[in-house]
C-alpha cells in the first residue's frame, strides 16, 4: 500500500477512516477498526455521563495499541455532555485525534483543541466550510458528497464533483466520503487528490459491526430503485423515478409546504376510483367574487 500524508499525520497503516455512526461506534467496533490499520472514531454523542465515556476510551486502549480518535458532534441535541469536557477527558486519557462534525465549532472549542495539541479533523459538505476550517487551524478536512449515508447538508453536491474542488481550494489534507465501498472507489477519491477516504455504510457489513445479520443481508442486495440509504428532506428521487419513503414522509407531514389536507387526499383517491361526487360534465364551482361579477354582467 502506498503512503499518503494522512497516514503519516495520523499514524495509521491505511488511508481509511471508519465513519462515526450513532449507537454503533463504541469501544469494541472502534478497536476493531483501529486494529485493522484504519482510524476508528468513537461517537461522543452516545455517552450521557463522563464515567461511561472515560470507560470506553480505556476499553479501546486495552484492546489495541494503535491510534484512534473521537468524534465531537456539533448538531443540536437534547441531552449530552459539554463538548469541552469531552476534550478534557480525551486529553487525560491520552487520545490525541479529534473529529468535529455538524455545525461550525465555536471559538472556545477550537482553543481547547489547540491547548491540548490534538490533531483536528473537521467534517463538512462544502468548499466554503472547508476553507473556513483550514483558516482557523484544522489539520485536515473531511468532505462528504451526496452519496454519503449520513448527514449531507443542503448542497447536494456529489463526491466526484466535491472532492477535487475542495482539494484545489485547500492546502491541508482532504479526506473524501460518499460512495466509497471498495478498492476501485477508494482509488477513485485518491486519484481526485484526496489523502484518504471515510467509509460508513460499507463497514456495516463487517463481522465486528454490532447490527442485525438481516440488515447486513439487506444491504448486500440493493437495487437501482432501492438505494441503501437516504438522509434528510433533500433526498433525491431514486433511479426508477419514485421518491424515497423518507421524502414522501417529509412532504406529507402536517404544515409542510405544498402538503395536501386529509380531505383533499381522500377526494383525490375517490376520483381515481371513479367515485367523484360531482359529474365530470358539470361546470366548475365559482368563487363568491366570481358569482358577484357574473351577476353584475347580466
Protein backbone atom coordinates (compact mmCIF):
# COMPACT_ATOMS: atom_id res chain seq x y z
CA UNK A 1 0.00 0.00 0.00
CA UNK A 2 1.34 3.42 -1.00
CA UNK A 3 1.66 6.17 1.58
CA UNK A 4 -0.36 9.38 1.79
CA UNK A 5 0.01 12.43 4.00
CA UNK A 6 -2.99 11.26 6.04
CA UNK A 7 -1.26 8.05 7.10
CA UNK A 8 1.79 9.96 8.27
CA UNK A 9 -0.32 12.53 10.11
CA UNK A 10 -2.48 10.02 11.99
CA UNK A 11 -0.03 7.16 12.30
CA UNK A 12 -2.33 4.64 10.59
CA UNK A 13 -1.49 1.86 8.16
CA UNK A 14 -4.15 2.55 5.51
CA UNK A 15 -5.65 5.85 4.26
CA UNK A 16 -9.01 4.83 5.65
CA UNK A 17 -11.30 6.23 8.37
CA UNK A 18 -14.26 4.35 9.82
CA UNK A 19 -17.10 6.85 9.80
CA UNK A 20 -18.81 7.62 13.09
CA UNK A 21 -22.24 6.02 13.45
CA UNK A 22 -24.58 6.73 16.34
CA UNK A 23 -25.08 3.80 18.75
CA UNK A 24 -22.58 1.70 16.75
CA UNK A 25 -19.23 3.49 17.12
CA UNK A 26 -18.49 2.22 20.60
CA UNK A 27 -15.34 0.68 22.03
CA UNK A 28 -15.46 -2.87 20.51
CA UNK A 29 -16.18 -1.70 16.96
CA UNK A 30 -13.75 1.23 17.08
CA UNK A 31 -11.00 -1.01 18.48
CA UNK A 32 -11.55 -3.49 15.63
CA UNK A 33 -11.24 -0.73 13.03
CA UNK A 34 -8.04 0.58 14.62
CA UNK A 35 -6.54 -2.89 14.93
CA UNK A 36 -7.18 -3.45 11.21
CA UNK A 37 -4.95 -0.47 10.40
CA UNK A 38 -7.55 2.26 9.83
CA UNK A 39 -8.69 5.10 12.09
CA UNK A 40 -11.65 4.28 14.30
CA UNK A 41 -13.70 7.09 15.84
CA UNK A 42 -15.81 6.86 18.97
CA UNK A 43 -19.12 8.75 18.78
CA UNK A 44 -19.03 11.01 21.84
CA UNK A 45 -22.73 11.86 21.50
CA UNK A 46 -23.63 8.34 22.64
CA UNK A 47 -22.39 9.00 26.17
CA UNK A 48 -24.52 10.94 28.63
CA UNK A 49 -22.09 10.86 31.56
CA UNK A 50 -18.36 11.25 31.99
CA UNK A 51 -17.78 7.81 33.54
CA UNK A 52 -19.16 5.82 30.59
CA UNK A 53 -17.22 7.92 28.09
CA UNK A 54 -13.98 7.50 30.00
CA UNK A 55 -14.59 3.76 30.40
CA UNK A 56 -14.99 3.28 26.64
CA UNK A 57 -11.81 5.22 25.91
CA UNK A 58 -9.96 2.92 28.28
CA UNK A 59 -11.65 -0.14 26.72
CA UNK A 60 -10.33 0.78 23.28
CA UNK A 61 -6.82 1.33 24.65
CA UNK A 62 -6.98 -2.08 26.32
CA UNK A 63 -7.86 -3.79 23.01
CA UNK A 64 -5.39 -2.03 20.71
CA UNK A 65 -2.21 -0.01 20.85
CA UNK A 66 -2.96 1.68 17.52
CA UNK A 67 -4.30 5.23 17.13
CA UNK A 68 -8.00 6.03 17.38
CA UNK A 69 -9.99 9.20 17.80
CA UNK A 70 -13.26 10.70 18.98
CA UNK A 71 -15.99 12.47 17.04
CA UNK A 72 -17.39 15.62 18.66
CA UNK A 73 -20.95 16.14 17.46
CA UNK A 74 -21.91 19.80 16.93
CA UNK A 75 -25.51 19.20 15.87
CA UNK A 76 -28.14 20.36 18.40
CA UNK A 77 -29.04 17.63 20.91
CA UNK A 78 -31.49 17.45 23.79
CA UNK A 79 -29.06 15.71 26.16
CA UNK A 80 -25.30 15.43 26.03
CA UNK A 81 -22.16 16.37 27.89
CA UNK A 82 -20.42 19.68 27.43
CA UNK A 83 -18.10 19.23 24.44
CA UNK A 84 -15.29 20.89 26.36
CA UNK A 85 -15.50 18.12 28.96
CA UNK A 86 -15.20 15.50 26.21
CA UNK A 87 -11.95 17.15 25.11
CA UNK A 88 -10.60 17.35 28.65
CA UNK A 89 -11.32 13.67 29.28
CA UNK A 90 -9.70 12.75 25.96
CA UNK A 91 -6.57 14.66 26.93
CA UNK A 92 -6.48 12.98 30.34
CA UNK A 93 -6.73 9.56 28.66
CA UNK A 94 -4.11 10.35 26.03
CA UNK A 95 -6.43 10.41 22.98
CA UNK A 96 -4.97 12.98 20.58
CA UNK A 97 -7.15 12.76 17.46
CA UNK A 98 -10.48 14.58 17.33
CA UNK A 99 -13.04 14.95 14.56
CA UNK A 100 -15.71 17.65 14.67
CA UNK A 101 -18.84 17.43 12.55
CA UNK A 102 -22.15 19.19 12.12
CA UNK A 103 -22.17 22.92 12.69
CA UNK A 104 -19.03 25.03 12.75
CA UNK A 105 -17.06 24.60 16.01
CA UNK A 106 -17.23 27.59 18.37
CA UNK A 107 -14.08 29.50 19.21
CA UNK A 108 -13.74 28.10 22.73
CA UNK A 109 -13.82 24.55 21.37
CA UNK A 110 -11.11 25.33 18.83
CA UNK A 111 -9.00 26.94 21.55
CA UNK A 112 -9.36 23.86 23.76
CA UNK A 113 -8.34 21.55 20.88
CA UNK A 114 -5.23 23.64 20.29
CA UNK A 115 -4.49 23.83 24.00
CA UNK A 116 -4.40 20.02 24.21
CA UNK A 117 -2.32 19.85 20.99
CA UNK A 118 -4.70 17.45 19.32
CA UNK A 119 -4.80 16.54 15.65
CA UNK A 120 -8.05 18.12 14.46
CA UNK A 121 -10.14 16.88 11.53
CA UNK A 122 -13.26 18.86 10.64
CA UNK A 123 -16.01 17.20 8.58
CA UNK A 124 -18.22 19.33 6.32
CA UNK A 125 -20.08 19.32 3.00
CA UNK A 126 -18.86 22.32 1.01
CA UNK A 127 -15.85 24.33 -0.12
CA UNK A 128 -16.58 27.45 1.91
CA UNK A 129 -16.95 25.44 5.12
CA UNK A 130 -13.71 23.59 4.39
CA UNK A 131 -11.82 26.82 3.75
CA UNK A 132 -13.05 28.31 7.00
CA UNK A 133 -11.95 25.23 8.94
CA UNK A 134 -8.50 25.43 7.38
CA UNK A 135 -8.29 29.14 8.17
CA UNK A 136 -8.80 28.63 11.92
CA UNK A 137 -6.35 25.75 12.17
CA UNK A 138 -7.87 22.38 11.19
CA UNK A 139 -5.12 19.86 10.43
CA UNK A 140 -7.26 18.03 7.86
CA UNK A 141 -10.74 18.39 6.40
CA UNK A 142 -13.24 15.67 5.56
CA UNK A 143 -15.85 16.38 2.88
CA UNK A 144 -18.77 14.09 2.11
CA UNK A 145 -20.78 14.11 -1.09
CA UNK A 146 -24.47 13.49 -1.58
CA UNK A 147 -23.85 9.74 -1.82
CA UNK A 148 -22.91 9.75 1.86
CA UNK A 149 -25.18 7.66 4.09
CA UNK A 150 -25.20 10.21 6.93
CA UNK A 151 -25.87 13.94 7.03
CA UNK A 152 -25.07 15.60 3.70
CA UNK A 153 -26.30 19.15 4.28
CA UNK A 154 -28.37 21.02 1.71
CA UNK A 155 -25.86 21.47 -1.12
CA UNK A 156 -26.45 18.06 -2.77
CA UNK A 157 -23.02 18.01 -4.41
CA UNK A 158 -21.70 14.61 -5.41
CA UNK A 159 -18.38 13.19 -4.22
CA UNK A 160 -16.96 13.20 -7.75
CA UNK A 161 -17.53 16.95 -8.04
CA UNK A 162 -16.93 18.00 -4.43
CA UNK A 163 -13.61 16.24 -3.80
CA UNK A 164 -11.40 17.85 -6.47
CA UNK A 165 -12.99 21.24 -5.85
CA UNK A 166 -12.06 21.14 -2.17
CA UNK A 167 -8.61 19.67 -2.87
CA UNK A 168 -7.84 22.57 -5.20
CA UNK A 169 -9.01 25.12 -2.62
CA UNK A 170 -7.09 23.82 0.41
CA UNK A 171 -3.50 23.17 1.44
CA UNK A 172 -4.27 20.72 4.27
CA UNK A 173 -5.03 17.05 3.53
CA UNK A 174 -8.56 16.31 2.35
CA UNK A 175 -10.49 13.15 3.24
CA UNK A 176 -13.37 12.24 0.93
CA UNK A 177 -16.50 10.25 1.66
CA UNK A 178 -19.73 9.20 -0.01
CA UNK A 179 -19.97 6.12 -2.21
CA UNK A 180 -16.60 4.64 -1.24
CA UNK A 181 -17.20 0.89 -0.90
CA UNK A 182 -14.21 -0.99 -2.35
CA UNK A 183 -10.73 -0.67 -3.78
CA UNK A 184 -11.97 0.91 -7.00
CA UNK A 185 -13.86 3.70 -5.28
CA UNK A 186 -11.02 4.25 -2.79
CA UNK A 187 -8.62 4.62 -5.71
CA UNK A 188 -11.10 6.99 -7.36
CA UNK A 189 -11.11 9.51 -4.49
CA UNK A 190 -7.33 9.21 -4.12
CA UNK A 191 -6.95 9.97 -7.83
CA UNK A 192 -9.11 13.07 -7.31
CA UNK A 193 -6.49 14.36 -4.87
CA UNK A 194 -7.87 13.16 -1.54
CA UNK A 195 -5.38 11.89 1.04
CA UNK A 196 -7.80 9.25 2.28
CA UNK A 197 -11.40 8.09 2.45
CA UNK A 198 -14.04 7.91 5.15
CA UNK A 199 -16.38 4.93 4.95
CA UNK A 200 -19.53 4.15 6.93
CA UNK A 201 -22.23 2.10 5.21
CA UNK A 202 -19.79 -0.43 3.76
CA UNK A 203 -18.32 -1.38 7.14
CA UNK A 204 -21.78 -2.15 8.49
CA UNK A 205 -21.25 -5.49 6.72
CA UNK A 206 -18.16 -6.35 8.77
CA UNK A 207 -18.31 -9.19 11.27
CA UNK A 208 -17.37 -6.85 14.10
CA UNK A 209 -20.22 -4.40 13.42
CA UNK A 210 -23.00 -4.90 16.01
CA UNK A 211 -26.02 -4.68 13.72
CA UNK A 212 -28.57 -7.40 12.98
CA UNK A 213 -27.49 -10.02 10.41
CA UNK A 214 -30.70 -9.49 8.42
CA UNK A 215 -29.83 -5.81 7.99
CA UNK A 216 -26.41 -6.80 6.69
CA UNK A 217 -28.07 -9.20 4.26
CA UNK A 218 -30.47 -6.48 3.06
CA UNK A 219 -27.55 -4.11 2.44
CA UNK A 220 -25.89 -6.76 0.30
CA UNK A 221 -28.77 -6.80 -2.18
CA UNK A 222 -29.70 -3.22 -3.15
CA UNK A 223 -31.30 -2.33 -6.48
CA UNK A 224 -31.38 0.86 -8.51
CA UNK A 225 -34.90 1.51 -7.22
CA UNK A 226 -34.00 0.79 -3.60
CA UNK A 227 -30.92 2.75 -2.56
CA UNK A 228 -29.19 1.57 0.58
CA UNK A 229 -29.72 4.86 2.38
CA UNK A 230 -31.31 8.27 2.17
CA UNK A 231 -30.99 11.06 4.68
CA UNK A 232 -32.77 14.36 5.10
CA UNK A 233 -35.64 16.11 3.34
CA UNK A 234 -33.47 16.80 0.31
CA UNK A 235 -33.03 13.11 -0.61
CA UNK A 236 -33.29 12.87 -4.38
CA UNK A 237 -35.53 10.65 -6.45
CA UNK A 238 -34.44 7.08 -6.87
CA UNK A 239 -33.36 5.73 -10.23
CA UNK A 240 -36.85 4.39 -11.02
CA UNK A 241 -38.37 7.86 -10.66
CA UNK A 242 -40.33 7.38 -7.43
CA UNK A 243 -39.48 9.35 -4.34
CA UNK A 244 -37.87 7.74 -1.33
CA UNK A 245 -40.02 6.84 1.74
CA UNK A 246 -38.17 9.49 3.70
CA UNK A 247 -39.07 12.18 1.16
CA UNK A 248 -42.71 11.07 0.95
CA UNK A 249 -42.97 11.29 4.73
CA UNK A 250 -41.34 14.76 4.73
CA UNK A 251 -43.77 16.08 2.13
CA UNK A 252 -46.85 14.60 3.82
CA UNK A 253 -46.18 15.90 7.35
CA UNK A 254 -48.66 18.48 8.70
CA UNK A 255 -47.72 22.03 7.74
CA UNK A 256 -45.25 21.03 5.05
CA UNK A 257 -45.07 23.35 2.00
CA UNK A 258 -47.46 22.02 -0.60
CA UNK A 259 -48.86 19.35 1.72
CA UNK A 260 -52.44 18.40 0.94
CA UNK A 261 -55.10 18.22 3.61
CA UNK A 262 -56.60 14.82 4.51
CA UNK A 263 -59.88 15.91 2.88
CA UNK A 264 -58.22 16.72 -0.46
CA UNK A 265 -56.29 13.45 -0.30
CA UNK A 266 -59.50 11.48 0.21
CA UNK A 267 -61.16 13.34 -2.65
CA UNK A 268 -58.25 12.59 -4.98
CA UNK A 269 -58.39 8.92 -4.09
CA UNK A 270 -62.15 8.86 -4.71
CA UNK A 271 -61.69 10.42 -8.14
CA UNK A 272 -59.06 7.84 -9.04
CA UNK A 273 -61.57 5.11 -8.13
CA UNK A 274 -64.24 6.75 -10.29
CA UNK A 275 -66.34 7.77 -7.29
CA UNK A 276 -66.23 11.51 -7.83
CA UNK A 277 -69.11 13.30 -6.09
CA UNK A 278 -69.58 15.78 -8.96
CA UNK A 279 -70.39 14.74 -12.54
CA UNK A 280 -67.49 15.26 -14.91
CA UNK A 281 -69.71 17.30 -17.27
CA UNK A 282 -70.81 19.81 -14.64
CA UNK A 283 -69.35 23.30 -14.68
CA UNK A 284 -66.72 24.11 -12.08
CA UNK A 285 -67.92 25.87 -8.96
CA UNK A 286 -67.46 29.63 -8.93
CA UNK A 287 -65.97 31.61 -6.11
CA UNK A 288 -68.16 34.26 -4.36
CA UNK A 289 -66.29 37.08 -6.15
CA UNK A 290 -66.78 35.36 -9.50
CA UNK A 291 -70.54 34.93 -8.83
CA UNK A 292 -70.95 38.60 -7.93
CA UNK A 293 -69.06 39.64 -11.08
CA UNK A 294 -71.20 37.36 -13.23
CA UNK A 295 -74.47 38.69 -11.72
CA UNK A 296 -73.41 42.28 -12.33
CA UNK A 297 -72.89 41.50 -16.03
CA UNK A 298 -76.50 40.36 -16.53
